[in-house]
Amino acid sequence: MREHLARSELKLPSQETKRVLVHVKPNARATAMLAYDPAEDSYTVAVKAPPIEGRANAELERFFSKLTKRRWRVKSGLASKTKVLVAV
């Protein structure tokens, strides 16, 4: 099984995209995009931070913002592994 997607395999959200569904895997070795599911239009992201006191959510927001060069915030799923991110 591969650790993460190669840069050329990434399907990043377009600039018009306002919401993104993300499945998070906290406590990973490194923060990385693992998969994109076109059927659900969702991403799977491994996050290095633990799911304690919002650390994994903050790491996910930073990672997705850096990856897409846009600012993102967790809209729903603050205490869940399935989250909805919205562009700010």
C-alpha atoms as a PDB file:
ATOM      1  CA  MET A   1       0.000   0.000   0.000  1.00  0.00           C
ATOM      2  CA  ARG A   2       1.293   3.460  -0.890  1.00  0.00           C
ATOM      3  CA  GLU A   3       1.904   6.040   1.814  1.00  0.00           C
ATOM      4  CA  HIS A   4       0.492   9.013  -0.102  1.00  0.00           C
ATOM      5  CA  LEU A   5      -0.471  10.208  -3.553  1.00  0.00           C
ATOM      6  CA  ALA A   6       2.201  11.515  -5.891  1.00  0.00           C
ATOM      7  CA  ARG A   7       1.933  15.219  -6.674  1.00  0.00           C
ATOM      8  CA  SER A   8       0.874  14.434 -10.261  1.00  0.00           C
ATOM      9  CA  GLU A   9      -1.976  12.183  -9.005  1.00  0.00           C
ATOM     10  CA  LEU A  10      -3.563  14.842  -6.804  1.00  0.00           C
ATOM     11  CA  LYS A  11      -6.934  16.192  -7.849  1.00  0.00           C
ATOM     12  CA  LEU A  12      -7.082  19.454  -5.962  1.00  0.00           C
ATOM     13  CA  PRO A  13     -10.307  21.411  -5.591  1.00  0.00           C
ATOM     14  CA  SER A  14     -10.799  24.124  -8.194  1.00  0.00           C
ATOM     15  CA  GLN A  15     -10.801  27.808  -7.245  1.00  0.00           C
ATOM     16  CA  GLU A  16     -14.618  27.784  -7.509  1.00  0.00           C
ATOM     17  CA  THR A  17     -14.956  24.979  -4.943  1.00  0.00           C
ATOM     18  CA  LYS A  18     -16.359  26.253  -1.654  1.00  0.00           C
ATOM     19  CA  ARG A  19     -16.825  22.988   0.291  1.00  0.00           C
ATOM     20  CA  VAL A  20     -14.712  19.857   0.555  1.00  0.00           C
ATOM     21  CA  LEU A  21     -15.477  16.570   2.304  1.00  0.00           C
ATOM     22  CA  VAL A  22     -12.428  15.129   4.091  1.00  0.00           C
ATOM     23  CA  HIS A  23     -11.856  11.857   5.955  1.00  0.00           C
ATOM     24  CA  VAL A  24      -9.086  12.385   8.512  1.00  0.00           C
ATOM     25  CA  LYS A  25      -6.655   9.837   9.934  1.00  0.00           C
ATOM     26  CA  PRO A  26      -5.025  11.460  12.991  1.00  0.00           C
ATOM     27  CA  ASN A  27      -1.770  10.403  14.688  1.00  0.00           C
ATOM     28  CA  ALA A  28      -0.080   9.580  11.376  1.00  0.00           C
ATOM     29  CA  ARG A  29       3.676   9.608  10.856  1.00  0.00           C
ATOM     30  CA  ALA A  30       3.348  12.629   8.582  1.00  0.00           C
ATOM     31  CA  THR A  31       0.615  14.887   7.267  1.00  0.00           C
ATOM     32  CA  ALA A  32      -0.164  13.871   3.683  1.00  0.00           C
ATOM     33  CA  MET A  33      -2.949  13.448   1.160  1.00  0.00           C
ATOM     34  CA  LEU A  34      -3.691   9.724   0.966  1.00  0.00           C
ATOM     35  CA  ALA A  35      -6.534   9.426  -1.533  1.00  0.00           C
ATOM     36  CA  TYR A  36      -9.264  11.087  -3.535  1.00  0.00           C
ATOM     37  CA  ASP A  37     -12.593   9.297  -3.988  1.00  0.00           C
ATOM     38  CA  PRO A  38     -14.405  10.633  -7.080  1.00  0.00           C
ATOM     39  CA  ALA A  39     -17.588   8.702  -6.204  1.00  0.00           C
ATOM     40  CA  GLU A  40     -17.967  10.613  -2.907  1.00  0.00           C
ATOM     41  CA  ASP A  41     -15.962  13.619  -4.101  1.00  0.00           C
ATOM     42  CA  SER A  42     -13.961  13.315  -0.887  1.00  0.00           C
ATOM     43  CA  TYR A  43     -10.331  13.295   0.197  1.00  0.00           C
ATOM     44  CA  THR A  44      -8.546  11.122   2.736  1.00  0.00           C
ATOM     45  CA  VAL A  45      -5.814  12.957   4.632  1.00  0.00           C
ATOM     46  CA  ALA A  46      -3.367  11.597   7.197  1.00  0.00           C
ATOM     47  CA  VAL A  47      -2.674  14.154   9.917  1.00  0.00           C
ATOM     48  CA  LYS A  48       0.372  13.943  12.183  1.00  0.00           C
ATOM     49  CA  ALA A  49      -1.298  15.837  15.042  1.00  0.00           C
ATOM     50  CA  PRO A  50      -3.348  13.981  17.661  1.00  0.00           C
ATOM     51  CA  PRO A  51      -7.114  14.549  17.886  1.00  0.00           C
ATOM     52  CA  ILE A  52      -6.763  16.413  21.180  1.00  0.00           C
ATOM     53  CA  GLU A  53      -7.998  19.967  21.817  1.00  0.00           C
ATOM     54  CA  GLY A  54      -8.486  20.656  18.101  1.00  0.00           C
ATOM     55  CA  ARG A  55      -4.852  20.047  17.137  1.00  0.00           C
ATOM     56  CA  ALA A  56      -5.725  17.677  14.279  1.00  0.00           C
ATOM     57  CA  ASN A  57      -8.325  20.156  12.954  1.00  0.00           C
ATOM     58  CA  ALA A  58      -5.800  23.005  13.012  1.00  0.00           C
ATOM     59  CA  GLU A  59      -3.196  20.849  11.242  1.00  0.00           C
ATOM     60  CA  LEU A  60      -5.764  19.849   8.600  1.00  0.00           C
ATOM     61  CA  GLU A  61      -6.679  23.508   7.978  1.00  0.00           C
ATOM     62  CA  ARG A  62      -2.991  24.480   7.646  1.00  0.00           C
ATOM     63  CA  PHE A  63      -2.220  21.552   5.339  1.00  0.00           C
ATOM     64  CA  PHE A  64      -5.182  22.108   3.026  1.00  0.00           C
ATOM     65  CA  SER A  65      -4.539  25.867   2.930  1.00  0.00           C
ATOM     66  CA  LYS A  66      -0.890  25.337   1.996  1.00  0.00           C
ATOM     67  CA  LEU A  67      -1.777  22.714  -0.605  1.00  0.00           C
ATOM     68  CA  THR A  68      -4.443  24.787  -2.378  1.00  0.00           C
ATOM     69  CA  LYS A  69      -3.079  28.280  -1.625  1.00  0.00           C
ATOM     70  CA  ARG A  70      -6.487  29.224  -0.193  1.00  0.00           C
ATOM     71  CA  ARG A  71      -7.691  29.487   3.376  1.00  0.00           C
ATOM     72  CA  TRP A  72      -9.920  26.678   4.691  1.00  0.00           C
ATOM     73  CA  ARG A  73     -11.826  26.190   7.955  1.00  0.00           C
ATOM     74  CA  VAL A  74     -13.557  23.139   9.441  1.00  0.00           C
ATOM     75  CA  LYS A  75     -17.285  23.854   9.093  1.00  0.00           C
ATOM     76  CA  SER A  76     -18.639  20.605  10.543  1.00  0.00           C
ATOM     77  CA  GLY A  77     -17.241  17.449  12.068  1.00  0.00           C
ATOM     78  CA  LEU A  78     -15.112  19.088  14.745  1.00  0.00           C
ATOM     79  CA  ALA A  79     -15.193  15.888  16.833  1.00  0.00           C
ATOM     80  CA  SER A  80     -15.528  13.462  13.912  1.00  0.00           C
ATOM     81  CA  LYS A  81     -13.093  11.866  11.478  1.00  0.00           C
ATOM     82  CA  THR A  82     -15.326  13.013   8.597  1.00  0.00           C
ATOM     83  CA  LYS A  83     -15.180  16.775   8.186  1.00  0.00           C
ATOM     84  CA  VAL A  84     -16.485  19.459   5.862  1.00  0.00           C
ATOM     85  CA  LEU A  85     -13.989  22.192   5.045  1.00  0.00           C
ATOM     86  CA  VAL A  86     -15.147  25.515   3.625  1.00  0.00           C
ATOM     87  CA  ALA A  87     -13.081  28.114   1.792  1.00  0.00           C
ATOM     88  CA  VAL A  88     -12.796  31.376   3.707  1.00  0.00           C
END
